[in-house]
Amino acid sequence: MGFKAVGLDVFPAVDDKEALEILNKLIDGPDEYAIIYIEETLAVNMQKEIDKYKESPVPAIILIPGREGSVGLGQSALKAAVERAIGTNILDN
């Protein structure tokens, strides 16, 4: 709920099925969201749907760690995006 405190719209989901329904409403709804943040734990089973928007600039779907910590999806997505953009992965040590 920290995002709500800074003025962002928040759509809580209890599981990945509900998160997928919310994602589809945000994408196909009347309001346009340029950036959508999804917790990694919810995104695990939504990857196919999220991948549909990987190449499009809007909406940018950003995976963030949940309360349990990171499962590595967000970092992997960032590395892949950087590699697509500049042709090499500059984020690995």
PDB file of N, CA and C in Angstrom:
ATOM      1  N   MET A   1       0.811  -1.203   0.000  1.00  0.00           N
ATOM      2  CA  MET A   1       0.000   0.000   0.000  1.00  0.00           C
ATOM      3  C   MET A   1       0.853   1.266   0.000  1.00  0.00           C
ATOM      4  N   GLY A   2       2.152   1.095   0.043  1.00  0.00           N
ATOM      5  CA  GLY A   2       3.033   2.257  -0.032  1.00  0.00           C
ATOM      6  C   GLY A   2       2.858   3.022  -1.332  1.00  0.00           C
ATOM      7  N   PHE A   3       2.525   2.322  -2.404  1.00  0.00           N
ATOM      8  CA  PHE A   3       2.299   2.978  -3.691  1.00  0.00           C
ATOM      9  C   PHE A   3       1.084   3.895  -3.633  1.00  0.00           C
ATOM     10  N   LYS A   4       0.078   3.490  -2.905  1.00  0.00           N
ATOM     11  CA  LYS A   4      -1.128   4.303  -2.767  1.00  0.00           C
ATOM     12  C   LYS A   4      -0.821   5.606  -2.032  1.00  0.00           C
ATOM     13  N   ALA A   5       0.086   5.524  -1.081  1.00  0.00           N
ATOM     14  CA  ALA A   5       0.464   6.703  -0.304  1.00  0.00           C
ATOM     15  C   ALA A   5       1.125   7.779  -1.169  1.00  0.00           C
ATOM     16  N   VAL A   6       1.733   7.374  -2.274  1.00  0.00           N
ATOM     17  CA  VAL A   6       2.374   8.354  -3.156  1.00  0.00           C
ATOM     18  C   VAL A   6       1.504   8.701  -4.355  1.00  0.00           C
ATOM     19  N   GLY A   7       0.223   8.302  -4.308  1.00  0.00           N
ATOM     20  CA  GLY A   7      -0.724   8.733  -5.329  1.00  0.00           C
ATOM     21  C   GLY A   7      -0.958   7.797  -6.492  1.00  0.00           C
ATOM     22  N   LEU A   8      -0.424   6.587  -6.436  1.00  0.00           N
ATOM     23  CA  LEU A   8      -0.640   5.638  -7.528  1.00  0.00           C
ATOM     24  C   LEU A   8      -1.931   4.858  -7.295  1.00  0.00           C
ATOM     25  N   ASP A   9      -2.566   4.414  -8.379  1.00  0.00           N
ATOM     26  CA  ASP A   9      -3.730   3.537  -8.268  1.00  0.00           C
ATOM     27  C   ASP A   9      -3.236   2.150  -7.861  1.00  0.00           C
ATOM     28  N   VAL A  10      -3.926   1.531  -6.926  1.00  0.00           N
ATOM     29  CA  VAL A  10      -3.533   0.216  -6.425  1.00  0.00           C
ATOM     30  C   VAL A  10      -4.698  -0.746  -6.608  1.00  0.00           C
ATOM     31  N   PHE A  11      -4.397  -1.925  -7.153  1.00  0.00           N
ATOM     32  CA  PHE A  11      -5.400  -2.952  -7.393  1.00  0.00           C
ATOM     33  C   PHE A  11      -4.913  -4.248  -6.761  1.00  0.00           C
ATOM     34  N   PRO A  12      -5.200  -4.465  -5.474  1.00  0.00           N
ATOM     35  CA  PRO A  12      -4.710  -5.670  -4.798  1.00  0.00           C
ATOM     36  C   PRO A  12      -5.331  -6.941  -5.372  1.00  0.00           C
ATOM     37  N   ALA A  13      -4.538  -7.996  -5.433  1.00  0.00           N
ATOM     38  CA  ALA A  13      -5.007  -9.303  -5.896  1.00  0.00           C
ATOM     39  C   ALA A  13      -4.541 -10.358  -4.902  1.00  0.00           C
ATOM     40  N   VAL A  14      -5.389 -11.337  -4.646  1.00  0.00           N
ATOM     41  CA  VAL A  14      -5.033 -12.388  -3.690  1.00  0.00           C
ATOM     42  C   VAL A  14      -4.325 -13.567  -4.348  1.00  0.00           C
ATOM     43  N   ASP A  15      -4.504 -13.719  -5.663  1.00  0.00           N
ATOM     44  CA  ASP A  15      -3.834 -14.817  -6.370  1.00  0.00           C
ATOM     45  C   ASP A  15      -3.591 -14.407  -7.819  1.00  0.00           C
ATOM     46  N   ASP A  16      -2.881 -15.280  -8.551  1.00  0.00           N
ATOM     47  CA  ASP A  16      -2.520 -14.946  -9.926  1.00  0.00           C
ATOM     48  C   ASP A  16      -3.729 -14.884 -10.847  1.00  0.00           C
ATOM     49  N   LYS A  17      -4.766 -15.649 -10.573  1.00  0.00           N
ATOM     50  CA  LYS A  17      -5.983 -15.598 -11.396  1.00  0.00           C
ATOM     51  C   LYS A  17      -6.633 -14.222 -11.289  1.00  0.00           C
ATOM     52  N   GLU A  18      -6.767 -13.728 -10.069  1.00  0.00           N
ATOM     53  CA  GLU A  18      -7.344 -12.405  -9.867  1.00  0.00           C
ATOM     54  C   GLU A  18      -6.432 -11.321 -10.455  1.00  0.00           C
ATOM     55  N   ALA A  19      -5.126 -11.500 -10.314  1.00  0.00           N
ATOM     56  CA  ALA A  19      -4.173 -10.537 -10.872  1.00  0.00           C
ATOM     57  C   ALA A  19      -4.286 -10.476 -12.395  1.00  0.00           C
ATOM     58  N   LEU A  20      -4.496 -11.620 -13.039  1.00  0.00           N
ATOM     59  CA  LEU A  20      -4.648 -11.661 -14.493  1.00  0.00           C
ATOM     60  C   LEU A  20      -5.921 -10.934 -14.923  1.00  0.00           C
ATOM     61  N   GLU A  21      -7.004 -11.137 -14.180  1.00  0.00           N
ATOM     62  CA  GLU A  21      -8.248 -10.424 -14.476  1.00  0.00           C
ATOM     63  C   GLU A  21      -8.048  -8.913 -14.354  1.00  0.00           C
ATOM     64  N   ILE A  22      -7.360  -8.488 -13.311  1.00  0.00           N
ATOM     65  CA  ILE A  22      -7.097  -7.058 -13.112  1.00  0.00           C
ATOM     66  C   ILE A  22      -6.219  -6.530 -14.228  1.00  0.00           C
ATOM     67  N   LEU A  23      -5.183  -7.274 -14.591  1.00  0.00           N
ATOM     68  CA  LEU A  23      -4.290  -6.847 -15.672  1.00  0.00           C
ATOM     69  C   LEU A  23      -5.067  -6.638 -16.965  1.00  0.00           C
ATOM     70  N   ASN A  24      -5.924  -7.576 -17.307  1.00  0.00           N
ATOM     71  CA  ASN A  24      -6.722  -7.448 -18.532  1.00  0.00           C
ATOM     72  C   ASN A  24      -7.654  -6.246 -18.482  1.00  0.00           C
ATOM     73  N   LYS A  25      -8.239  -5.966 -17.322  1.00  0.00           N
ATOM     74  CA  LYS A  25      -9.095  -4.790 -17.171  1.00  0.00           C
ATOM     75  C   LYS A  25      -8.290  -3.501 -17.320  1.00  0.00           C
ATOM     76  N   LEU A  26      -7.083  -3.488 -16.783  1.00  0.00           N
ATOM     77  CA  LEU A  26      -6.246  -2.289 -16.897  1.00  0.00           C
ATOM     78  C   LEU A  26      -5.813  -2.040 -18.335  1.00  0.00           C
ATOM     79  N   ILE A  27      -5.528  -3.102 -19.055  1.00  0.00           N
ATOM     80  CA  ILE A  27      -5.066  -2.969 -20.436  1.00  0.00           C
ATOM     81  C   ILE A  27      -6.224  -2.628 -21.376  1.00  0.00           C
ATOM     82  N   ASP A  28      -7.370  -3.273 -21.185  1.00  0.00           N
ATOM     83  CA  ASP A  28      -8.500  -3.091 -22.094  1.00  0.00           C
ATOM     84  C   ASP A  28      -9.518  -2.067 -21.613  1.00  0.00           C
ATOM     85  N   GLY A  29      -9.320  -1.532 -20.433  1.00  0.00           N
ATOM     86  CA  GLY A  29     -10.288  -0.603 -19.853  1.00  0.00           C
ATOM     87  C   GLY A  29     -10.198   0.793 -20.432  1.00  0.00           C
ATOM     88  N   PRO A  30     -11.092   1.661 -19.972  1.00  0.00           N
ATOM     89  CA  PRO A  30     -11.144   3.031 -20.492  1.00  0.00           C
ATOM     90  C   PRO A  30      -9.967   3.898 -20.051  1.00  0.00           C
ATOM     91  N   ASP A  31      -9.393   3.600 -18.903  1.00  0.00           N
ATOM     92  CA  ASP A  31      -8.226   4.361 -18.439  1.00  0.00           C
ATOM     93  C   ASP A  31      -6.973   3.765 -19.064  1.00  0.00           C
ATOM     94  N   GLU A  32      -6.049   4.628 -19.410  1.00  0.00           N
ATOM     95  CA  GLU A  32      -4.798   4.154 -19.995  1.00  0.00           C
ATOM     96  C   GLU A  32      -3.691   4.215 -18.953  1.00  0.00           C
ATOM     97  N   TYR A  33      -3.085   3.089 -18.690  1.00  0.00           N
ATOM     98  CA  TYR A  33      -1.973   3.020 -17.751  1.00  0.00           C
ATOM     99  C   TYR A  33      -0.697   2.787 -18.543  1.00  0.00           C
ATOM    100  N   ALA A  34       0.273   3.676 -18.381  1.00  0.00           N
ATOM    101  CA  ALA A  34       1.536   3.553 -19.098  1.00  0.00           C
ATOM    102  C   ALA A  34       2.461   2.551 -18.414  1.00  0.00           C
ATOM    103  N   ILE A  35       2.354   2.456 -17.088  1.00  0.00           N
ATOM    104  CA  ILE A  35       3.200   1.548 -16.320  1.00  0.00           C
ATOM    105  C   ILE A  35       2.317   0.747 -15.380  1.00  0.00           C
ATOM    106  N   ILE A  36       2.525  -0.562 -15.381  1.00  0.00           N
ATOM    107  CA  ILE A  36       1.795  -1.455 -14.484  1.00  0.00           C
ATOM    108  C   ILE A  36       2.830  -2.261 -13.711  1.00  0.00           C
ATOM    109  N   TYR A  37       2.773  -2.167 -12.394  1.00  0.00           N
ATOM    110  CA  TYR A  37       3.666  -2.927 -11.529  1.00  0.00           C
ATOM    111  C   TYR A  37       2.935  -4.183 -11.058  1.00  0.00           C
ATOM    112  N   ILE A  38       3.607  -5.328 -11.142  1.00  0.00           N
ATOM    113  CA  ILE A  38       3.041  -6.590 -10.687  1.00  0.00           C
ATOM    114  C   ILE A  38       4.075  -7.286  -9.808  1.00  0.00           C
ATOM    115  N   GLU A  39       3.611  -7.799  -8.664  1.00  0.00           N
ATOM    116  CA  GLU A  39       4.523  -8.557  -7.806  1.00  0.00           C
ATOM    117  C   GLU A  39       4.977  -9.821  -8.519  1.00  0.00           C
ATOM    118  N   GLU A  40       6.244 -10.133  -8.361  1.00  0.00           N
ATOM    119  CA  GLU A  40       6.827 -11.302  -9.026  1.00  0.00           C
ATOM    120  C   GLU A  40       6.084 -12.591  -8.695  1.00  0.00           C
ATOM    121  N   THR A  41       5.670 -12.759  -7.441  1.00  0.00           N
ATOM    122  CA  THR A  41       5.004 -14.007  -7.057  1.00  0.00           C
ATOM    123  C   THR A  41       3.687 -14.196  -7.802  1.00  0.00           C
ATOM    124  N   LEU A  42       3.007 -13.099  -8.144  1.00  0.00           N
ATOM    125  CA  LEU A  42       1.780 -13.189  -8.929  1.00  0.00           C
ATOM    126  C   LEU A  42       2.092 -13.377 -10.411  1.00  0.00           C
ATOM    127  N   ALA A  43       3.204 -12.817 -10.854  1.00  0.00           N
ATOM    128  CA  ALA A  43       3.560 -12.852 -12.275  1.00  0.00           C
ATOM    129  C   ALA A  43       4.047 -14.210 -12.753  1.00  0.00           C
ATOM    130  N   VAL A  44       4.461 -15.063 -11.844  1.00  0.00           N
ATOM    131  CA  VAL A  44       5.024 -16.367 -12.224  1.00  0.00           C
ATOM    132  C   VAL A  44       4.091 -17.120 -13.167  1.00  0.00           C
ATOM    133  N   ASN A  45       2.818 -17.183 -12.840  1.00  0.00           N
ATOM    134  CA  ASN A  45       1.864 -17.932 -13.663  1.00  0.00           C
ATOM    135  C   ASN A  45       1.160 -17.066 -14.701  1.00  0.00           C
ATOM    136  N   MET A  46       1.582 -15.820 -14.836  1.00  0.00           N
ATOM    137  CA  MET A  46       0.993 -14.903 -15.816  1.00  0.00           C
ATOM    138  C   MET A  46       1.995 -14.543 -16.909  1.00  0.00           C
ATOM    139  N   GLN A  47       3.111 -15.219 -16.944  1.00  0.00           N
ATOM    140  CA  GLN A  47       4.206 -14.821 -17.831  1.00  0.00           C
ATOM    141  C   GLN A  47       3.799 -14.769 -19.297  1.00  0.00           C
ATOM    142  N   LYS A  48       2.972 -15.694 -19.736  1.00  0.00           N
ATOM    143  CA  LYS A  48       2.546 -15.715 -21.145  1.00  0.00           C
ATOM    144  C   LYS A  48       1.801 -14.426 -21.493  1.00  0.00           C
ATOM    145  N   GLU A  49       0.913 -13.999 -20.617  1.00  0.00           N
ATOM    146  CA  GLU A  49       0.152 -12.760 -20.845  1.00  0.00           C
ATOM    147  C   GLU A  49       1.064 -11.535 -20.774  1.00  0.00           C
ATOM    148  N   ILE A  50       1.965 -11.520 -19.823  1.00  0.00           N
ATOM    149  CA  ILE A  50       2.896 -10.403 -19.669  1.00  0.00           C
ATOM    150  C   ILE A  50       3.807 -10.292 -20.885  1.00  0.00           C
ATOM    151  N   ASP A  51       4.246 -11.438 -21.410  1.00  0.00           N
ATOM    152  CA  ASP A  51       5.147 -11.441 -22.564  1.00  0.00           C
ATOM    153  C   ASP A  51       4.527 -10.810 -23.807  1.00  0.00           C
ATOM    154  N   LYS A  52       3.209 -10.782 -23.894  1.00  0.00           N
ATOM    155  CA  LYS A  52       2.548 -10.149 -25.037  1.00  0.00           C
ATOM    156  C   LYS A  52       2.888  -8.670 -25.144  1.00  0.00           C
ATOM    157  N   TYR A  53       3.235  -8.060 -24.037  1.00  0.00           N
ATOM    158  CA  TYR A  53       3.489  -6.613 -24.010  1.00  0.00           C
ATOM    159  C   TYR A  53       4.967  -6.288 -23.849  1.00  0.00           C
ATOM    160  N   LYS A  54       5.801  -7.310 -23.959  1.00  0.00           N
ATOM    161  CA  LYS A  54       7.239  -7.141 -23.782  1.00  0.00           C
ATOM    162  C   LYS A  54       7.839  -6.180 -24.811  1.00  0.00           C
ATOM    163  N   GLU A  55       7.354  -6.215 -26.027  1.00  0.00           N
ATOM    164  CA  GLU A  55       7.910  -5.395 -27.105  1.00  0.00           C
ATOM    165  C   GLU A  55       7.201  -4.056 -27.277  1.00  0.00           C
ATOM    166  N   SER A  56       6.053  -3.879 -26.641  1.00  0.00           N
ATOM    167  CA  SER A  56       5.316  -2.624 -26.816  1.00  0.00           C
ATOM    168  C   SER A  56       5.691  -1.628 -25.721  1.00  0.00           C
ATOM    169  N   PRO A  57       5.766  -0.359 -26.084  1.00  0.00           N
ATOM    170  CA  PRO A  57       6.157   0.648 -25.096  1.00  0.00           C
ATOM    171  C   PRO A  57       5.085   0.904 -24.029  1.00  0.00           C
ATOM    172  N   VAL A  58       3.819   0.682 -24.375  1.00  0.00           N
ATOM    173  CA  VAL A  58       2.741   0.941 -23.427  1.00  0.00           C
ATOM    174  C   VAL A  58       1.776  -0.229 -23.453  1.00  0.00           C
ATOM    175  N   PRO A  59       1.424  -0.820 -22.381  1.00  0.00           N
ATOM    176  CA  PRO A  59       1.919  -0.501 -21.048  1.00  0.00           C
ATOM    177  C   PRO A  59       3.265  -1.184 -20.784  1.00  0.00           C
ATOM    178  N   ALA A  60       4.086  -0.527 -20.013  1.00  0.00           N
ATOM    179  CA  ALA A  60       5.312  -1.149 -19.525  1.00  0.00           C
ATOM    180  C   ALA A  60       4.929  -1.934 -18.281  1.00  0.00           C
ATOM    181  N   ILE A  61       5.147  -3.222 -18.311  1.00  0.00           N
ATOM    182  CA  ILE A  61       4.812  -4.061 -17.165  1.00  0.00           C
ATOM    183  C   ILE A  61       6.101  -4.355 -16.418  1.00  0.00           C
ATOM    184  N   ILE A  62       6.157  -3.858 -15.196  1.00  0.00           N
ATOM    185  CA  ILE A  62       7.357  -3.956 -14.374  1.00  0.00           C
ATOM    186  C   ILE A  62       7.100  -4.936 -13.244  1.00  0.00           C
ATOM    187  N   LEU A  63       7.969  -5.929 -13.121  1.00  0.00           N
ATOM    188  CA  LEU A  63       7.839  -6.910 -12.051  1.00  0.00           C
ATOM    189  C   LEU A  63       8.634  -6.447 -10.846  1.00  0.00           C
ATOM    190  N   ILE A  64       7.984  -6.459  -9.689  1.00  0.00           N
ATOM    191  CA  ILE A  64       8.626  -5.989  -8.462  1.00  0.00           C
ATOM    192  C   ILE A  64       8.562  -7.085  -7.402  1.00  0.00           C
ATOM    193  N   PRO A  65       9.531  -7.083  -6.470  1.00  0.00           N
ATOM    194  CA  PRO A  65       9.490  -8.071  -5.395  1.00  0.00           C
ATOM    195  C   PRO A  65       8.288  -7.843  -4.489  1.00  0.00           C
ATOM    196  N   GLY A  66       7.784  -8.924  -3.923  1.00  0.00           N
ATOM    197  CA  GLY A  66       6.695  -8.832  -2.961  1.00  0.00           C
ATOM    198  C   GLY A  66       7.242  -8.801  -1.544  1.00  0.00           C
ATOM    199  N   ARG A  67       6.379  -8.973  -0.598  1.00  0.00           N
ATOM    200  CA  ARG A  67       6.784  -8.977   0.817  1.00  0.00           C
ATOM    201  C   ARG A  67       7.762 -10.095   1.129  1.00  0.00           C
ATOM    202  N   GLU A  68       7.638 -11.193   0.401  1.00  0.00           N
ATOM    203  CA  GLU A  68       8.501 -12.352   0.643  1.00  0.00           C
ATOM    204  C   GLU A  68       9.894 -12.173   0.071  1.00  0.00           C
ATOM    205  N   GLY A  69      10.099 -11.136  -0.703  1.00  0.00           N
ATOM    206  CA  GLY A  69      11.389 -10.906  -1.341  1.00  0.00           C
ATOM    207  C   GLY A  69      11.328 -11.240  -2.820  1.00  0.00           C
ATOM    208  N   SER A  70      12.437 -11.102  -3.470  1.00  0.00           N
ATOM    209  CA  SER A  70      12.514 -11.311  -4.910  1.00  0.00           C
ATOM    210  C   SER A  70      12.650 -12.790  -5.250  1.00  0.00           C
ATOM    211  N   VAL A  71      12.007 -13.167  -6.365  1.00  0.00           N
ATOM    212  CA  VAL A  71      12.214 -14.515  -6.909  1.00  0.00           C
ATOM    213  C   VAL A  71      13.062 -14.444  -8.182  1.00  0.00           C
ATOM    214  N   GLY A  72      13.522 -13.254  -8.530  1.00  0.00           N
ATOM    215  CA  GLY A  72      14.440 -13.077  -9.656  1.00  0.00           C
ATOM    216  C   GLY A  72      13.801 -12.753 -10.985  1.00  0.00           C
ATOM    217  N   LEU A  73      12.472 -12.769 -11.087  1.00  0.00           N
ATOM    218  CA  LEU A  73      11.818 -12.500 -12.371  1.00  0.00           C
ATOM    219  C   LEU A  73      12.039 -11.071 -12.845  1.00  0.00           C
ATOM    220  N   GLY A  74      11.935 -10.126 -11.941  1.00  0.00           N
ATOM    221  CA  GLY A  74      12.100  -8.724 -12.310  1.00  0.00           C
ATOM    222  C   GLY A  74      13.488  -8.440 -12.849  1.00  0.00           C
ATOM    223  N   GLN A  75      14.481  -8.967 -12.177  1.00  0.00           N
ATOM    224  CA  GLN A  75      15.860  -8.765 -12.608  1.00  0.00           C
ATOM    225  C   GLN A  75      16.114  -9.442 -13.955  1.00  0.00           C
ATOM    226  N   SER A  76      15.573 -10.622 -14.154  1.00  0.00           N
ATOM    227  CA  SER A  76      15.722 -11.323 -15.437  1.00  0.00           C
ATOM    228  C   SER A  76      15.068 -10.536 -16.568  1.00  0.00           C
ATOM    229  N   ALA A  77      13.877  -9.984 -16.297  1.00  0.00           N
ATOM    230  CA  ALA A  77      13.180  -9.187 -17.309  1.00  0.00           C
ATOM    231  C   ALA A  77      13.966  -7.930 -17.647  1.00  0.00           C
ATOM    232  N   LEU A  78      14.543  -7.302 -16.633  1.00  0.00           N
ATOM    233  CA  LEU A  78      15.347  -6.102 -16.870  1.00  0.00           C
ATOM    234  C   LEU A  78      16.576  -6.426 -17.714  1.00  0.00           C
ATOM    235  N   LYS A  79      17.252  -7.501 -17.392  1.00  0.00           N
ATOM    236  CA  LYS A  79      18.431  -7.901 -18.171  1.00  0.00           C
ATOM    237  C   LYS A  79      18.056  -8.169 -19.622  1.00  0.00           C
ATOM    238  N   ALA A  80      16.944  -8.852 -19.849  1.00  0.00           N
ATOM    239  CA  ALA A  80      16.505  -9.146 -21.213  1.00  0.00           C
ATOM    240  C   ALA A  80      16.157  -7.874 -21.970  1.00  0.00           C
ATOM    241  N   ALA A  81      15.516  -6.927 -21.308  1.00  0.00           N
ATOM    242  CA  ALA A  81      15.150  -5.663 -21.950  1.00  0.00           C
ATOM    243  C   ALA A  81      16.394  -4.860 -22.320  1.00  0.00           C
ATOM    244  N   VAL A  82      17.373  -4.834 -21.447  1.00  0.00           N
ATOM    245  CA  VAL A  82      18.619  -4.113 -21.734  1.00  0.00           C
ATOM    246  C   VAL A  82      19.336  -4.769 -22.905  1.00  0.00           C
ATOM    247  N   GLU A  83      19.367  -6.090 -22.904  1.00  0.00           N
ATOM    248  CA  GLU A  83      20.036  -6.801 -24.000  1.00  0.00           C
ATOM    249  C   GLU A  83      19.349  -6.543 -25.338  1.00  0.00           C
ATOM    250  N   ARG A  84      18.011  -6.522 -25.349  1.00  0.00           N
ATOM    251  CA  ARG A  84      17.286  -6.210 -26.589  1.00  0.00           C
ATOM    252  C   ARG A  84      17.569  -4.781 -27.034  1.00  0.00           C
ATOM    253  N   ALA A  85      17.666  -3.868 -26.082  1.00  0.00           N
ATOM    254  CA  ALA A  85      17.832  -2.458 -26.426  1.00  0.00           C
ATOM    255  C   ALA A  85      19.219  -2.133 -26.957  1.00  0.00           C
ATOM    256  N   ILE A  86      20.264  -2.711 -26.349  1.00  0.00           N
ATOM    257  CA  ILE A  86      21.608  -2.319 -26.759  1.00  0.00           C
ATOM    258  C   ILE A  86      22.425  -3.447 -27.369  1.00  0.00           C
ATOM    259  N   GLY A  87      21.860  -4.650 -27.409  1.00  0.00           N
ATOM    260  CA  GLY A  87      22.521  -5.747 -28.094  1.00  0.00           C
ATOM    261  C   GLY A  87      23.430  -6.593 -27.236  1.00  0.00           C
ATOM    262  N   THR A  88      23.648  -6.223 -25.994  1.00  0.00           N
ATOM    263  CA  THR A  88      24.469  -7.019 -25.094  1.00  0.00           C
ATOM    264  C   THR A  88      24.012  -6.800 -23.664  1.00  0.00           C
ATOM    265  N   ASN A  89      24.272  -7.750 -22.822  1.00  0.00           N
ATOM    266  CA  ASN A  89      23.885  -7.646 -21.419  1.00  0.00           C
ATOM    267  C   ASN A  89      25.004  -6.974 -20.647  1.00  0.00           C
ATOM    268  N   ILE A  90      24.811  -5.747 -20.247  1.00  0.00           N
ATOM    269  CA  ILE A  90      25.835  -5.011 -19.508  1.00  0.00           C
ATOM    270  C   ILE A  90      25.606  -5.079 -18.006  1.00  0.00           C
ATOM    271  N   LEU A  91      24.566  -5.798 -17.569  1.00  0.00           N
ATOM    272  CA  LEU A  91      24.231  -5.842 -16.159  1.00  0.00           C
ATOM    273  C   LEU A  91      24.881  -6.993 -15.403  1.00  0.00           C
ATOM    274  N   ASP A  92      25.406  -7.997 -16.110  1.00  0.00           N
ATOM    275  CA  ASP A  92      26.089  -9.096 -15.431  1.00  0.00           C
ATOM    276  C   ASP A  92      27.466  -8.651 -14.989  1.00  0.00           C
ATOM    277  N   ASN A  93      27.872  -9.210 -13.863  1.00  0.00           N
ATOM    278  CA  ASN A  93      29.215  -8.876 -13.344  1.00  0.00           C
ATOM    279  C   ASN A  93      30.284  -9.551 -14.155  1.00  0.00           C
TER     280      ASN A  93
END
